[in-house]
Amino acid sequence: MPKKNSVVDVASAAPVAPAAPYAALTPECLLDAVETTGLRCDGRLSGLNSYENRVYQVWLAEEHEGGESVVVKFYRPQRWSRAAILEEHAFALELAEAELPIVAPMTLKGRTLHEHAGFMFALTARQGGRTPEFEDEETQRWLGRFIARIHAIGALDEFQHRPTIGWKEFGEAPVRYVLEHDFVPPDLREAYESTALDVLARVKNRWQDAGSFGTLRLHGDCHAGNILWTEGKPGGPHFVDLDDARMGPAVQDIWMWLGGERDTQQQQLAAIIKGYREFFDFNPAELALIEPLRTLRMMHYAGWLARRWGDPAFPQSFPFFNTQRYWQDHILALREQAAALDEPPLELMR
């Protein structure tokens, strides 16, 4: 059964990663790393969309699967410990063993986690697919069934080295970091601080309103980009990137699929939970956490950009951040969330 949660059961903020952590990850270093696993590359590689880590598609020489490609992920230095990464891998392999559509790390030379030139990395098979049609009711039920099966496995054990999602790590810590490192323009600092603290107080109240709820091992970042939909047989969803796997309430892996006006979200939720309950129980008390979790993700995102601003890839990829307009819009978005947090939570339609 899921572990019972307390409001204070959260991890402290992660350390700030060094500036330019991937400066030494040249194409030659990357290909050499892959070949330490026993595979042989043909020299072709392509960068894939990832900022927290560095992820590449690498093509293999003909003697390996006819020249097919694999995906290699280089973990951001100092973000996760070796033990935490191995927990992620073990969870993915456990899910794959249960015949769930998870893209799990490859085992090469008897291990899933490798190291070269100071970088920890892992390889996976390349998985194609498209974004699911979240507005389709059958797709919603399908996603509900599969995430429930993932949660049924996730509830069988607990992470020991990966944190629990909560308002301290995802709310208080990023707000504190942003303020202490002077990211907010002076003329907006008071407005940001007062708004953020007000919203955090509302988040804590809603967290308390949810009462006693369970936590389990989650995907953790189950947005549209981490679900690849395939046609044919076997078709359906494939879940990728367990990099943010952690302990938390089941609704964390559901709320990001909800969008639109309240009535639309109610209909989406009903279809998802209908599929979900075919394989695992769902606690309606967790619906009170949807808006708090949405708010925390917004706060965490601003703090994440701030913490990574020393990485040269971030100013280049996120030029809108750390501007007057960004912080004006962020304050406005938090004020809108304050209103949303005062609304009654979504309900399960009978």
Protein backbone atom coordinates (compact mmCIF):
# COMPACT_ATOMS: atom_id res chain seq x y z
CA MET A 1 0.00 0.00 0.00
CA PRO A 2 1.14 3.59 -0.52
CA LYS A 3 3.15 5.15 2.25
CA LYS A 4 1.25 7.63 4.41
CA ASN A 5 2.35 11.19 3.82
CA SER A 6 3.04 14.04 6.19
CA VAL A 7 3.29 17.67 5.16
CA VAL A 8 6.92 17.89 6.32
CA ASP A 9 8.05 14.73 4.50
CA VAL A 10 10.03 16.55 1.82
CA ALA A 11 13.65 16.77 0.69
CA SER A 12 15.88 19.78 1.02
CA ALA A 13 16.91 21.76 -2.03
CA ALA A 14 19.38 20.16 -4.41
CA PRO A 15 22.86 21.70 -4.57
CA VAL A 16 23.66 24.12 -7.32
CA ALA A 17 25.39 22.35 -10.20
CA PRO A 18 28.70 23.81 -11.41
CA ALA A 19 28.71 26.31 -14.24
CA ALA A 20 29.35 24.86 -17.70
CA PRO A 21 29.12 21.27 -16.41
CA TYR A 22 29.26 19.80 -19.92
CA ALA A 23 32.21 21.77 -21.29
CA ALA A 24 34.32 18.61 -21.45
CA LEU A 25 31.63 16.55 -23.18
CA THR A 26 32.97 16.88 -26.71
CA PRO A 27 31.70 14.68 -29.56
CA GLU A 28 34.88 12.60 -29.27
CA CYS A 29 34.36 12.16 -25.52
CA LEU A 30 30.71 11.24 -26.09
CA LEU A 31 31.49 8.55 -28.67
CA ASP A 32 34.36 7.19 -26.59
CA ALA A 33 31.99 6.89 -23.64
CA VAL A 34 29.48 4.85 -25.65
CA GLU A 35 32.24 2.53 -26.88
CA THR A 36 33.37 1.77 -23.31
CA THR A 37 30.11 -0.20 -22.99
CA GLY A 38 31.17 -2.61 -25.73
CA LEU A 39 29.18 -0.98 -28.52
CA ARG A 40 30.88 0.44 -31.61
CA CYS A 41 29.72 3.75 -33.07
CA ASP A 42 29.84 4.74 -36.74
CA GLY A 43 30.53 8.39 -35.87
CA ARG A 44 27.05 9.84 -36.40
CA LEU A 45 25.25 11.54 -33.54
CA SER A 46 22.42 14.01 -33.03
CA GLY A 47 21.49 16.06 -29.97
CA LEU A 48 18.01 15.51 -28.56
CA ASN A 49 15.82 17.98 -26.71
CA SER A 50 17.05 18.04 -23.12
CA TYR A 51 18.42 20.77 -20.86
CA GLU A 52 18.77 19.20 -17.43
CA ASN A 53 20.89 16.39 -18.84
CA ARG A 54 22.56 15.95 -22.21
CA VAL A 55 20.87 13.38 -24.44
CA TYR A 56 22.02 12.19 -27.87
CA GLN A 57 20.98 9.75 -30.51
CA VAL A 58 24.06 7.77 -31.56
CA TRP A 59 24.26 5.44 -34.55
CA LEU A 60 26.02 2.11 -34.20
CA ALA A 61 28.31 0.36 -36.63
CA GLU A 62 26.79 -2.28 -38.89
CA GLU A 63 27.80 -5.21 -36.71
CA HIS A 64 25.54 -3.88 -33.92
CA GLU A 65 21.88 -4.39 -34.83
CA GLY A 66 22.50 -3.54 -38.45
CA GLY A 67 23.58 0.01 -37.73
CA GLU A 68 20.58 0.99 -35.61
CA SER A 69 20.79 3.93 -33.24
CA VAL A 70 20.62 4.13 -29.44
CA VAL A 71 19.98 7.00 -27.06
CA VAL A 72 22.63 7.98 -24.52
CA LYS A 73 21.91 10.24 -21.55
CA PHE A 74 24.70 11.99 -19.65
CA TYR A 75 23.45 12.87 -16.18
CA ARG A 76 23.99 16.42 -14.96
CA PRO A 77 26.94 16.38 -12.53
CA GLN A 78 26.03 16.75 -8.85
CA ARG A 79 22.27 16.53 -9.42
CA TRP A 80 21.63 12.92 -8.41
CA SER A 81 23.84 10.57 -6.44
CA ARG A 82 24.89 7.27 -7.98
CA ALA A 83 22.51 5.50 -5.57
CA ALA A 84 19.59 7.70 -6.66
CA ILE A 85 20.27 7.04 -10.34
CA LEU A 86 20.48 3.31 -9.72
CA GLU A 87 17.11 3.49 -7.93
CA GLU A 88 15.66 5.11 -11.04
CA HIS A 89 17.09 2.32 -13.19
CA ALA A 90 15.86 -0.40 -10.86
CA PHE A 91 12.36 1.07 -10.93
CA ALA A 92 12.36 1.25 -14.74
CA LEU A 93 13.56 -2.35 -15.03
CA GLU A 94 10.93 -3.47 -12.50
CA LEU A 95 8.22 -1.84 -14.61
CA ALA A 96 9.60 -3.29 -17.83
CA GLU A 97 9.72 -6.75 -16.22
CA ALA A 98 6.00 -6.34 -15.51
CA GLU A 99 5.52 -5.72 -19.26
CA LEU A 100 4.70 -2.06 -18.85
CA PRO A 101 5.60 0.28 -21.73
CA ILE A 102 8.59 1.94 -20.06
CA VAL A 103 11.76 2.74 -21.97
CA ALA A 104 14.25 1.21 -19.54
CA PRO A 105 18.06 1.50 -19.54
CA MET A 106 20.08 -1.10 -21.41
CA THR A 107 22.22 -3.53 -19.44
CA LEU A 108 25.70 -3.60 -20.96
CA LYS A 109 28.69 -5.35 -19.40
CA GLY A 110 26.39 -6.31 -16.52
CA ARG A 111 25.33 -2.81 -15.52
CA THR A 112 22.98 0.01 -16.50
CA LEU A 113 25.00 2.98 -15.21
CA HIS A 114 28.37 3.73 -16.75
CA GLU A 115 31.05 6.36 -16.20
CA HIS A 116 33.58 7.99 -18.49
CA ALA A 117 35.67 11.15 -18.12
CA GLY A 118 33.79 12.09 -14.96
CA PHE A 119 30.32 11.73 -16.50
CA MET A 120 27.73 9.15 -15.44
CA PHE A 121 25.61 7.96 -18.34
CA ALA A 122 23.10 5.35 -19.46
CA LEU A 123 21.84 4.04 -22.79
CA THR A 124 18.35 3.13 -23.93
CA ALA A 125 16.82 1.85 -27.12
CA ARG A 126 15.42 4.57 -29.35
CA GLN A 127 11.64 4.86 -29.04
CA GLY A 128 9.58 6.61 -31.70
CA GLY A 129 6.06 7.94 -31.36
CA ARG A 130 3.91 11.04 -31.27
CA THR A 131 2.21 13.12 -28.60
CA PRO A 132 -1.03 11.51 -27.33
CA GLU A 133 -4.37 13.09 -28.24
CA PHE A 134 -5.22 14.20 -24.72
CA GLU A 135 -8.64 15.51 -25.76
CA ASP A 136 -9.76 12.02 -26.85
CA GLU A 137 -11.78 10.20 -24.17
CA GLU A 138 -10.52 6.73 -25.10
CA THR A 139 -6.94 7.99 -24.95
CA GLN A 140 -7.64 9.42 -21.50
CA ARG A 141 -8.96 6.08 -20.25
CA TRP A 142 -5.98 4.29 -21.85
CA LEU A 143 -3.52 6.60 -20.10
CA GLY A 144 -5.40 6.13 -16.84
CA ARG A 145 -5.09 2.36 -17.09
CA PHE A 146 -1.36 2.43 -17.77
CA ILE A 147 -0.43 4.98 -15.12
CA ALA A 148 -2.46 2.92 -12.63
CA ARG A 149 -0.44 -0.17 -13.52
CA ILE A 150 2.75 1.85 -13.02
CA HIS A 151 1.48 3.02 -9.64
CA ALA A 152 0.48 -0.50 -8.62
CA ILE A 153 4.14 -1.49 -9.04
CA GLY A 154 5.33 1.78 -7.54
CA ALA A 155 3.35 1.12 -4.36
CA LEU A 156 5.16 -2.18 -3.70
CA ASP A 157 8.31 -0.48 -2.41
CA GLU A 158 9.72 2.93 -1.51
CA PHE A 159 12.62 5.00 -2.79
CA GLN A 160 15.42 5.31 -0.27
CA HIS A 161 17.64 7.77 -2.13
CA ARG A 162 15.14 9.87 -4.07
CA PRO A 163 13.06 12.63 -2.45
CA THR A 164 9.35 13.11 -1.85
CA ILE A 165 7.55 15.88 -3.72
CA GLY A 166 6.34 18.62 -1.41
CA TRP A 167 5.98 22.34 -0.90
CA LYS A 168 9.39 22.84 0.74
CA GLU A 169 11.55 21.57 -2.10
CA PHE A 170 9.27 22.79 -4.91
CA GLY A 171 8.03 26.02 -3.32
CA GLU A 172 9.99 27.45 -0.42
CA ALA A 173 13.44 26.47 -1.72
CA PRO A 174 13.14 28.00 -5.23
CA VAL A 175 11.56 31.21 -3.89
CA ARG A 176 14.36 31.56 -1.37
CA TYR A 177 17.02 30.90 -4.00
CA VAL A 178 15.57 33.45 -6.44
CA LEU A 179 15.47 36.12 -3.73
CA GLU A 180 18.86 35.38 -2.20
CA HIS A 181 20.56 35.54 -5.59
CA ASP A 182 18.85 38.75 -6.73
CA PHE A 183 17.19 37.41 -9.87
CA VAL A 184 14.09 39.58 -9.41
CA PRO A 185 14.51 43.24 -10.51
CA PRO A 186 14.58 45.59 -7.48
CA ASP A 187 11.33 47.34 -8.43
CA LEU A 188 9.50 43.96 -8.53
CA ARG A 189 11.15 42.27 -5.56
CA GLU A 190 8.55 43.31 -2.96
CA ALA A 191 5.66 42.31 -5.24
CA TYR A 192 7.26 38.95 -6.00
CA GLU A 193 8.12 38.15 -2.40
CA SER A 194 4.70 39.09 -0.99
CA THR A 195 2.86 37.25 -3.78
CA ALA A 196 5.02 34.13 -3.50
CA LEU A 197 4.64 33.96 0.29
CA ASP A 198 0.89 34.45 0.04
CA VAL A 199 0.57 31.71 -2.56
CA LEU A 200 2.75 29.35 -0.52
CA ALA A 201 0.51 29.87 2.50
CA ARG A 202 -2.50 28.89 0.36
CA VAL A 203 -0.63 25.86 -0.97
CA LYS A 204 0.11 24.70 2.57
CA ASN A 205 -3.53 25.14 3.54
CA ARG A 206 -4.72 23.07 0.58
CA TRP A 207 -2.09 20.44 1.38
CA GLN A 208 -3.51 20.24 4.89
CA ASP A 209 -7.06 20.12 3.50
CA ALA A 210 -6.18 16.97 1.56
CA GLY A 211 -5.71 15.23 4.89
CA SER A 212 -4.04 11.83 5.00
CA PHE A 213 -3.01 10.50 1.62
CA GLY A 214 -0.53 7.93 0.44
CA THR A 215 2.72 8.39 -1.41
CA LEU A 216 4.28 5.94 -3.83
CA ARG A 217 7.04 5.72 -6.41
CA LEU A 218 6.02 7.99 -9.29
CA HIS A 219 7.12 8.80 -12.81
CA GLY A 220 7.24 12.32 -11.38
CA ASP A 221 7.26 14.36 -14.60
CA CYS A 222 4.50 12.79 -16.67
CA HIS A 223 3.88 15.63 -19.13
CA ALA A 224 3.03 15.22 -22.80
CA GLY A 225 6.66 15.25 -23.93
CA ASN A 226 7.43 12.18 -21.82
CA ILE A 227 4.69 10.04 -23.39
CA LEU A 228 5.18 8.69 -26.90
CA TRP A 229 2.14 7.23 -28.62
CA THR A 230 2.59 4.51 -31.24
CA GLU A 231 0.15 2.99 -33.69
CA GLY A 232 -0.27 -0.64 -34.67
CA LYS A 233 0.33 -3.63 -32.42
CA PRO A 234 1.44 -3.20 -29.76
CA GLY A 235 0.32 0.42 -29.87
CA GLY A 236 -0.53 2.99 -27.27
CA PRO A 237 1.58 4.97 -24.81
CA HIS A 238 5.26 4.52 -24.06
CA PHE A 239 6.52 6.35 -20.96
CA VAL A 240 10.04 7.75 -21.16
CA ASP A 241 12.45 9.64 -18.90
CA LEU A 242 12.17 8.63 -15.26
CA ASP A 243 14.84 11.19 -14.35
CA ASP A 244 12.40 12.96 -12.00
CA ALA A 245 11.03 9.79 -10.41
CA ARG A 246 10.35 10.34 -6.72
CA MET A 247 7.88 9.60 -3.96
CA GLY A 248 4.60 11.49 -4.02
CA PRO A 249 0.81 11.37 -4.34
CA ALA A 250 -0.62 9.51 -7.33
CA VAL A 251 -2.30 12.65 -8.66
CA GLN A 252 1.14 14.12 -9.49
CA ASP A 253 1.26 11.77 -12.51
CA ILE A 254 -2.25 12.78 -13.60
CA TRP A 255 -2.85 16.50 -13.18
CA MET A 256 -0.59 17.57 -16.08
CA TRP A 257 -2.99 15.80 -18.49
CA LEU A 258 -5.82 18.15 -17.49
CA GLY A 259 -6.42 21.38 -19.40
CA GLY A 260 -9.06 23.90 -20.37
CA GLU A 261 -12.02 25.21 -18.40
CA ARG A 262 -13.21 23.51 -15.23
CA ASP A 263 -15.99 21.55 -16.97
CA THR A 264 -13.49 20.24 -19.52
CA GLN A 265 -11.06 19.22 -16.80
CA GLN A 266 -13.87 17.44 -14.95
CA GLN A 267 -14.64 15.37 -18.04
CA GLN A 268 -10.97 14.58 -18.64
CA LEU A 269 -10.51 13.58 -15.02
CA ALA A 270 -13.56 11.32 -15.09
CA ALA A 271 -12.24 9.40 -18.10
CA ILE A 272 -8.73 9.08 -16.67
CA ILE A 273 -9.91 7.86 -13.26
CA LYS A 274 -12.37 5.44 -14.86
CA GLY A 275 -9.43 3.76 -16.60
CA TYR A 276 -7.20 4.14 -13.53
CA ARG A 277 -9.59 2.31 -11.21
CA GLU A 278 -9.57 -0.75 -13.44
CA PHE A 279 -6.08 -1.50 -12.06
CA PHE A 280 -5.52 0.55 -8.88
CA ASP A 281 -7.47 2.49 -6.29
CA PHE A 282 -7.53 6.29 -6.33
CA ASN A 283 -8.03 8.46 -3.25
CA PRO A 284 -10.39 11.38 -4.10
CA ALA A 285 -8.78 13.44 -1.30
CA GLU A 286 -5.78 13.92 -3.61
CA LEU A 287 -7.88 16.11 -5.93
CA ALA A 288 -7.29 18.94 -3.44
CA LEU A 289 -3.59 18.74 -4.42
CA ILE A 290 -4.04 19.50 -8.15
CA GLU A 291 -3.82 23.29 -7.93
CA PRO A 292 -1.11 23.22 -5.24
CA LEU A 293 0.97 20.91 -7.44
CA ARG A 294 0.38 23.15 -10.47
CA THR A 295 1.50 26.16 -8.41
CA LEU A 296 4.59 24.40 -7.09
CA ARG A 297 5.60 23.43 -10.62
CA MET A 298 5.49 27.10 -11.64
CA MET A 299 7.63 28.13 -8.67
CA HIS A 300 10.02 25.25 -9.19
CA TYR A 301 10.42 26.11 -12.88
CA ALA A 302 11.52 29.68 -12.08
CA GLY A 303 13.93 28.38 -9.45
CA TRP A 304 15.24 25.71 -11.82
CA LEU A 305 16.08 28.31 -14.47
CA ALA A 306 17.77 30.45 -11.83
CA ARG A 307 19.86 27.57 -10.51
CA ARG A 308 20.95 26.60 -14.02
CA TRP A 309 21.64 30.14 -15.27
CA GLY A 310 25.39 29.57 -15.02
CA ASP A 311 25.15 26.79 -17.61
CA PRO A 312 25.81 28.54 -20.97
CA ALA A 313 23.04 26.48 -22.60
CA PHE A 314 20.36 28.13 -20.48
CA PRO A 315 20.70 31.83 -21.41
CA GLN A 316 20.89 30.71 -25.02
CA SER A 317 17.81 28.47 -24.82
CA PHE A 318 15.70 30.59 -22.43
CA PRO A 319 16.42 34.23 -23.42
CA PHE A 320 13.05 35.31 -21.96
CA PHE A 321 14.14 34.41 -18.42
CA ASN A 322 15.59 36.97 -16.02
CA THR A 323 13.98 39.89 -17.82
CA GLN A 324 11.60 42.52 -16.48
CA ARG A 325 8.78 41.05 -18.58
CA TYR A 326 9.39 37.51 -17.31
CA TRP A 327 9.07 38.48 -13.66
CA GLN A 328 6.03 40.68 -14.32
CA ASP A 329 4.31 37.75 -16.04
CA HIS A 330 5.41 35.32 -13.32
CA ILE A 331 3.97 37.50 -10.56
CA LEU A 332 0.71 37.79 -12.50
CA ALA A 333 0.57 34.01 -12.99
CA LEU A 334 1.11 33.44 -9.26
CA ARG A 335 -1.70 35.86 -8.45
CA GLU A 336 -3.98 33.93 -10.80
CA GLN A 337 -2.97 30.75 -9.02
CA ALA A 338 -3.85 32.33 -5.69
CA ALA A 339 -7.40 32.70 -6.99
CA ALA A 340 -7.39 29.13 -8.32
CA LEU A 341 -6.26 27.86 -4.92
CA ASP A 342 -9.34 29.45 -3.36
CA GLU A 343 -11.66 27.55 -5.69
CA PRO A 344 -13.07 24.18 -4.62
CA PRO A 345 -11.11 21.23 -6.00
CA LEU A 346 -12.28 19.16 -8.92
CA GLU A 347 -14.66 16.34 -8.09
CA LEU A 348 -15.06 12.82 -9.39
CA MET A 349 -18.19 12.69 -11.52
CA ARG A 350 -20.53 9.80 -10.70
